[in-house]
Amino acid sequence: MADRVLSVTAYTTLDLVDAVAEGHGWDEEAVAVLNVTTPKGEEAPEEVLLQVELDNAELEHLPAHAETVSLSPEQAREVAAELERYADSVEEA
C-alpha cells in the first residue's frame, strides 16, 4: 500500500480485504488492512482499537489516512458477537 499509515506486519489481523470508501455522490473500492489491537506501550491497556486503512493508491477522493475506533472491552465483545451472528446468517443462507 502506498503511503501506508498503519504498520502492516505478520501480526496484522486482516490484510488485503475488499473495502469501499463512500462519500456524498461517490464511492470507491480498494483493498484495505483491518487490524484489531490495543494501544502500544501500555502495560494494562483499557481499550481495544479497531483500525482500517484503504490503499490510497486506488482512491481518487481520499488522501492517505486510517480510521481508528476505540472500544471498551464490553463494546469489543458486543462487536465480536454481532460479527459471529452475521457470519452465521451468511453461512446459513
N, C-alpha and C. Protein backbone atom coordinates (compact mmCIF):
# COMPACT_ATOMS: atom_id res chain seq x y z
N MET A 1 0.84 -1.18 0.00
CA MET A 1 0.00 0.00 0.00
C MET A 1 0.89 1.25 0.00
N ALA A 2 0.62 2.16 -0.89
CA ALA A 2 1.41 3.39 -0.99
C ALA A 2 1.11 4.31 0.20
N ASP A 3 2.13 5.01 0.68
CA ASP A 3 1.94 5.97 1.78
C ASP A 3 1.20 5.35 2.96
N ARG A 4 1.58 4.18 3.36
CA ARG A 4 0.90 3.44 4.42
C ARG A 4 0.91 4.23 5.73
N VAL A 5 -0.23 4.27 6.40
CA VAL A 5 -0.34 4.91 7.70
C VAL A 5 -0.23 3.86 8.80
N LEU A 6 -0.98 2.75 8.67
CA LEU A 6 -0.90 1.66 9.64
C LEU A 6 0.32 0.80 9.36
N SER A 7 0.90 0.29 10.41
CA SER A 7 2.01 -0.64 10.26
C SER A 7 1.45 -2.03 9.95
N VAL A 8 1.81 -2.56 8.79
CA VAL A 8 1.32 -3.87 8.38
C VAL A 8 2.45 -4.87 8.60
N THR A 9 2.18 -5.85 9.47
CA THR A 9 3.19 -6.85 9.80
C THR A 9 2.55 -8.23 9.75
N ALA A 10 3.32 -9.21 10.14
CA ALA A 10 2.78 -10.57 10.21
C ALA A 10 1.69 -10.68 11.27
N TYR A 11 1.61 -9.69 12.16
CA TYR A 11 0.62 -9.72 13.23
C TYR A 11 -0.63 -8.91 12.90
N THR A 12 -0.68 -8.29 11.73
CA THR A 12 -1.87 -7.55 11.32
C THR A 12 -3.04 -8.54 11.22
N THR A 13 -4.20 -8.14 11.73
CA THR A 13 -5.34 -9.05 11.79
C THR A 13 -5.75 -9.54 10.40
N LEU A 14 -6.13 -8.64 9.51
CA LEU A 14 -6.51 -9.00 8.14
C LEU A 14 -5.87 -7.98 7.19
N ASP A 15 -5.15 -8.48 6.20
CA ASP A 15 -4.62 -7.55 5.21
C ASP A 15 -5.18 -7.91 3.85
N LEU A 16 -5.31 -6.91 3.03
CA LEU A 16 -5.83 -7.04 1.68
C LEU A 16 -7.26 -7.58 1.64
N VAL A 17 -8.12 -6.97 2.45
CA VAL A 17 -9.56 -7.25 2.38
C VAL A 17 -10.19 -6.25 1.42
N ASP A 18 -11.33 -6.59 0.85
CA ASP A 18 -12.05 -5.67 -0.03
C ASP A 18 -12.75 -4.62 0.82
N ALA A 19 -12.68 -3.36 0.39
CA ALA A 19 -13.30 -2.28 1.14
C ALA A 19 -13.89 -1.25 0.18
N VAL A 20 -14.77 -0.42 0.70
CA VAL A 20 -15.39 0.65 -0.07
C VAL A 20 -15.34 1.93 0.75
N ALA A 21 -14.86 3.01 0.14
CA ALA A 21 -14.95 4.34 0.74
C ALA A 21 -16.15 5.01 0.11
N GLU A 22 -17.00 5.59 0.95
CA GLU A 22 -18.22 6.23 0.47
C GLU A 22 -18.26 7.68 0.90
N GLY A 23 -18.71 8.53 0.00
CA GLY A 23 -18.91 9.94 0.30
C GLY A 23 -20.19 10.41 -0.36
N HIS A 24 -20.47 11.69 -0.25
CA HIS A 24 -21.67 12.25 -0.89
C HIS A 24 -21.50 12.23 -2.39
N GLY A 25 -22.23 11.34 -3.05
CA GLY A 25 -22.20 11.27 -4.50
C GLY A 25 -21.07 10.47 -5.11
N TRP A 26 -20.32 9.75 -4.29
CA TRP A 26 -19.24 8.92 -4.85
C TRP A 26 -18.98 7.73 -3.94
N ASP A 27 -18.43 6.69 -4.52
CA ASP A 27 -17.87 5.59 -3.75
C ASP A 27 -16.74 4.98 -4.57
N GLU A 28 -15.75 4.48 -3.85
CA GLU A 28 -14.58 3.89 -4.49
C GLU A 28 -14.21 2.60 -3.77
N GLU A 29 -13.83 1.59 -4.55
CA GLU A 29 -13.40 0.31 -3.99
C GLU A 29 -11.88 0.26 -3.95
N ALA A 30 -11.36 -0.39 -2.93
CA ALA A 30 -9.91 -0.56 -2.80
C ALA A 30 -9.65 -1.73 -1.86
N VAL A 31 -8.44 -2.24 -1.91
CA VAL A 31 -8.03 -3.22 -0.90
C VAL A 31 -7.71 -2.45 0.37
N ALA A 32 -7.80 -3.14 1.51
CA ALA A 32 -7.60 -2.47 2.79
C ALA A 32 -6.94 -3.40 3.79
N VAL A 33 -6.47 -2.80 4.85
CA VAL A 33 -5.95 -3.52 6.01
C VAL A 33 -6.94 -3.30 7.14
N LEU A 34 -7.30 -4.37 7.84
CA LEU A 34 -8.18 -4.29 9.01
C LEU A 34 -7.41 -4.88 10.18
N ASN A 35 -7.30 -4.12 11.25
CA ASN A 35 -6.49 -4.57 12.36
C ASN A 35 -7.22 -4.37 13.69
N VAL A 36 -7.03 -5.31 14.58
CA VAL A 36 -7.54 -5.21 15.95
C VAL A 36 -6.32 -5.29 16.85
N THR A 37 -6.21 -4.33 17.77
CA THR A 37 -5.03 -4.26 18.63
C THR A 37 -5.38 -3.51 19.91
N THR A 38 -4.40 -3.31 20.75
CA THR A 38 -4.51 -2.44 21.92
C THR A 38 -3.43 -1.37 21.77
N PRO A 39 -3.55 -0.27 22.50
CA PRO A 39 -2.54 0.79 22.39
C PRO A 39 -1.14 0.26 22.70
N LYS A 40 -0.19 0.66 21.88
CA LYS A 40 1.19 0.21 22.08
C LYS A 40 1.81 0.88 23.30
N GLY A 41 2.65 0.14 23.98
CA GLY A 41 3.40 0.68 25.10
C GLY A 41 2.64 0.74 26.41
N GLU A 42 1.41 0.27 26.43
CA GLU A 42 0.65 0.27 27.68
C GLU A 42 0.68 -1.11 28.31
N GLU A 43 1.10 -1.18 29.58
CA GLU A 43 1.16 -2.46 30.28
C GLU A 43 -0.22 -3.03 30.54
N ALA A 44 -1.17 -2.16 30.90
CA ALA A 44 -2.53 -2.59 31.19
C ALA A 44 -3.50 -1.75 30.36
N PRO A 45 -3.60 -2.05 29.07
CA PRO A 45 -4.48 -1.23 28.21
C PRO A 45 -5.93 -1.34 28.66
N GLU A 46 -6.67 -0.24 28.47
CA GLU A 46 -8.08 -0.20 28.87
C GLU A 46 -9.01 -0.18 27.68
N GLU A 47 -8.44 -0.27 26.47
CA GLU A 47 -9.27 -0.19 25.28
C GLU A 47 -8.77 -1.13 24.19
N VAL A 48 -9.66 -1.46 23.29
CA VAL A 48 -9.36 -2.26 22.11
C VAL A 48 -9.48 -1.31 20.92
N LEU A 49 -8.52 -1.35 20.01
CA LEU A 49 -8.55 -0.48 18.85
C LEU A 49 -8.90 -1.29 17.60
N LEU A 50 -9.87 -0.80 16.85
CA LEU A 50 -10.25 -1.37 15.56
C LEU A 50 -9.81 -0.36 14.51
N GLN A 51 -8.91 -0.79 13.61
CA GLN A 51 -8.33 0.12 12.64
C GLN A 51 -8.57 -0.38 11.22
N VAL A 52 -8.78 0.57 10.31
CA VAL A 52 -8.93 0.22 8.90
C VAL A 52 -8.21 1.28 8.07
N GLU A 53 -7.50 0.82 7.06
CA GLU A 53 -6.82 1.71 6.13
C GLU A 53 -7.01 1.19 4.72
N LEU A 54 -7.58 2.01 3.86
CA LEU A 54 -7.72 1.66 2.44
C LEU A 54 -6.47 2.06 1.69
N ASP A 55 -6.13 1.31 0.67
CA ASP A 55 -4.96 1.61 -0.16
C ASP A 55 -5.25 2.86 -0.97
N ASN A 56 -4.64 3.98 -0.58
CA ASN A 56 -4.96 5.24 -1.23
C ASN A 56 -4.46 5.32 -2.66
N ALA A 57 -3.61 4.39 -3.08
CA ALA A 57 -3.16 4.39 -4.48
C ALA A 57 -4.33 4.09 -5.41
N GLU A 58 -5.37 3.46 -4.88
CA GLU A 58 -6.54 3.11 -5.68
C GLU A 58 -7.68 4.09 -5.50
N LEU A 59 -7.48 5.15 -4.70
CA LEU A 59 -8.55 6.09 -4.39
C LEU A 59 -8.29 7.46 -5.00
N GLU A 60 -9.32 8.04 -5.55
CA GLU A 60 -9.22 9.37 -6.14
C GLU A 60 -9.61 10.45 -5.14
N HIS A 61 -10.54 10.15 -4.23
CA HIS A 61 -11.14 11.16 -3.37
C HIS A 61 -10.50 11.30 -1.98
N LEU A 62 -9.71 10.33 -1.55
CA LEU A 62 -9.18 10.37 -0.19
C LEU A 62 -7.67 10.38 -0.15
N PRO A 63 -7.07 11.23 0.67
CA PRO A 63 -5.63 11.16 0.89
C PRO A 63 -5.30 9.95 1.78
N ALA A 64 -4.04 9.66 1.93
CA ALA A 64 -3.63 8.56 2.80
C ALA A 64 -4.12 8.84 4.22
N HIS A 65 -4.87 7.90 4.77
CA HIS A 65 -5.35 8.04 6.14
C HIS A 65 -5.82 6.68 6.64
N ALA A 66 -5.97 6.58 7.94
CA ALA A 66 -6.52 5.39 8.57
C ALA A 66 -7.57 5.83 9.57
N GLU A 67 -8.55 4.98 9.78
CA GLU A 67 -9.59 5.24 10.77
C GLU A 67 -9.36 4.30 11.96
N THR A 68 -9.51 4.83 13.16
CA THR A 68 -9.37 4.03 14.37
C THR A 68 -10.59 4.25 15.26
N VAL A 69 -11.17 3.16 15.73
CA VAL A 69 -12.28 3.21 16.67
C VAL A 69 -11.78 2.63 17.98
N SER A 70 -11.99 3.37 19.06
CA SER A 70 -11.60 2.93 20.39
C SER A 70 -12.80 2.28 21.06
N LEU A 71 -12.65 1.03 21.48
CA LEU A 71 -13.74 0.28 22.09
C LEU A 71 -13.36 -0.16 23.50
N SER A 72 -14.33 -0.11 24.41
CA SER A 72 -14.12 -0.71 25.72
C SER A 72 -14.13 -2.22 25.53
N PRO A 73 -13.65 -2.99 26.50
CA PRO A 73 -13.72 -4.44 26.37
C PRO A 73 -15.16 -4.93 26.14
N GLU A 74 -16.12 -4.31 26.80
CA GLU A 74 -17.52 -4.71 26.63
C GLU A 74 -17.99 -4.42 25.21
N GLN A 75 -17.65 -3.26 24.68
CA GLN A 75 -18.03 -2.91 23.31
C GLN A 75 -17.36 -3.85 22.31
N ALA A 76 -16.10 -4.20 22.55
CA ALA A 76 -15.40 -5.12 21.65
C ALA A 76 -16.09 -6.48 21.63
N ARG A 77 -16.53 -6.94 22.80
CA ARG A 77 -17.25 -8.22 22.86
C ARG A 77 -18.60 -8.13 22.14
N GLU A 78 -19.27 -6.99 22.24
CA GLU A 78 -20.54 -6.80 21.55
C GLU A 78 -20.34 -6.83 20.03
N VAL A 79 -19.30 -6.17 19.54
CA VAL A 79 -18.99 -6.20 18.11
C VAL A 79 -18.65 -7.62 17.68
N ALA A 80 -17.85 -8.31 18.48
CA ALA A 80 -17.48 -9.70 18.16
C ALA A 80 -18.72 -10.59 18.07
N ALA A 81 -19.64 -10.41 18.99
CA ALA A 81 -20.87 -11.21 18.98
C ALA A 81 -21.71 -10.91 17.73
N GLU A 82 -21.79 -9.65 17.34
CA GLU A 82 -22.54 -9.28 16.14
C GLU A 82 -21.86 -9.86 14.89
N LEU A 83 -20.54 -9.83 14.84
CA LEU A 83 -19.83 -10.43 13.71
C LEU A 83 -20.12 -11.92 13.62
N GLU A 84 -20.12 -12.61 14.75
CA GLU A 84 -20.44 -14.04 14.79
C GLU A 84 -21.86 -14.29 14.29
N ARG A 85 -22.79 -13.46 14.77
CA ARG A 85 -24.20 -13.64 14.41
C ARG A 85 -24.38 -13.44 12.91
N TYR A 86 -23.80 -12.39 12.35
CA TYR A 86 -23.95 -12.15 10.93
C TYR A 86 -23.19 -13.17 10.07
N ALA A 87 -22.05 -13.64 10.54
CA ALA A 87 -21.31 -14.69 9.84
C ALA A 87 -22.15 -15.96 9.78
N ASP A 88 -22.80 -16.30 10.90
CA ASP A 88 -23.67 -17.47 10.92
C ASP A 88 -24.82 -17.34 9.93
N SER A 89 -25.42 -16.12 9.87
CA SER A 89 -26.55 -15.93 8.97
C SER A 89 -26.14 -16.01 7.51
N VAL A 90 -24.92 -15.58 7.18
CA VAL A 90 -24.43 -15.69 5.81
C VAL A 90 -24.17 -17.15 5.46
N GLU A 91 -23.57 -17.89 6.39
CA GLU A 91 -23.30 -19.31 6.14
C GLU A 91 -24.58 -20.13 6.02
N GLU A 92 -25.62 -19.74 6.73
CA GLU A 92 -26.88 -20.48 6.68
C GLU A 92 -27.71 -20.15 5.45
N ALA A 93 -27.40 -19.05 4.79
CA ALA A 93 -28.20 -18.62 3.63
C ALA A 93 -27.94 -19.50 2.41
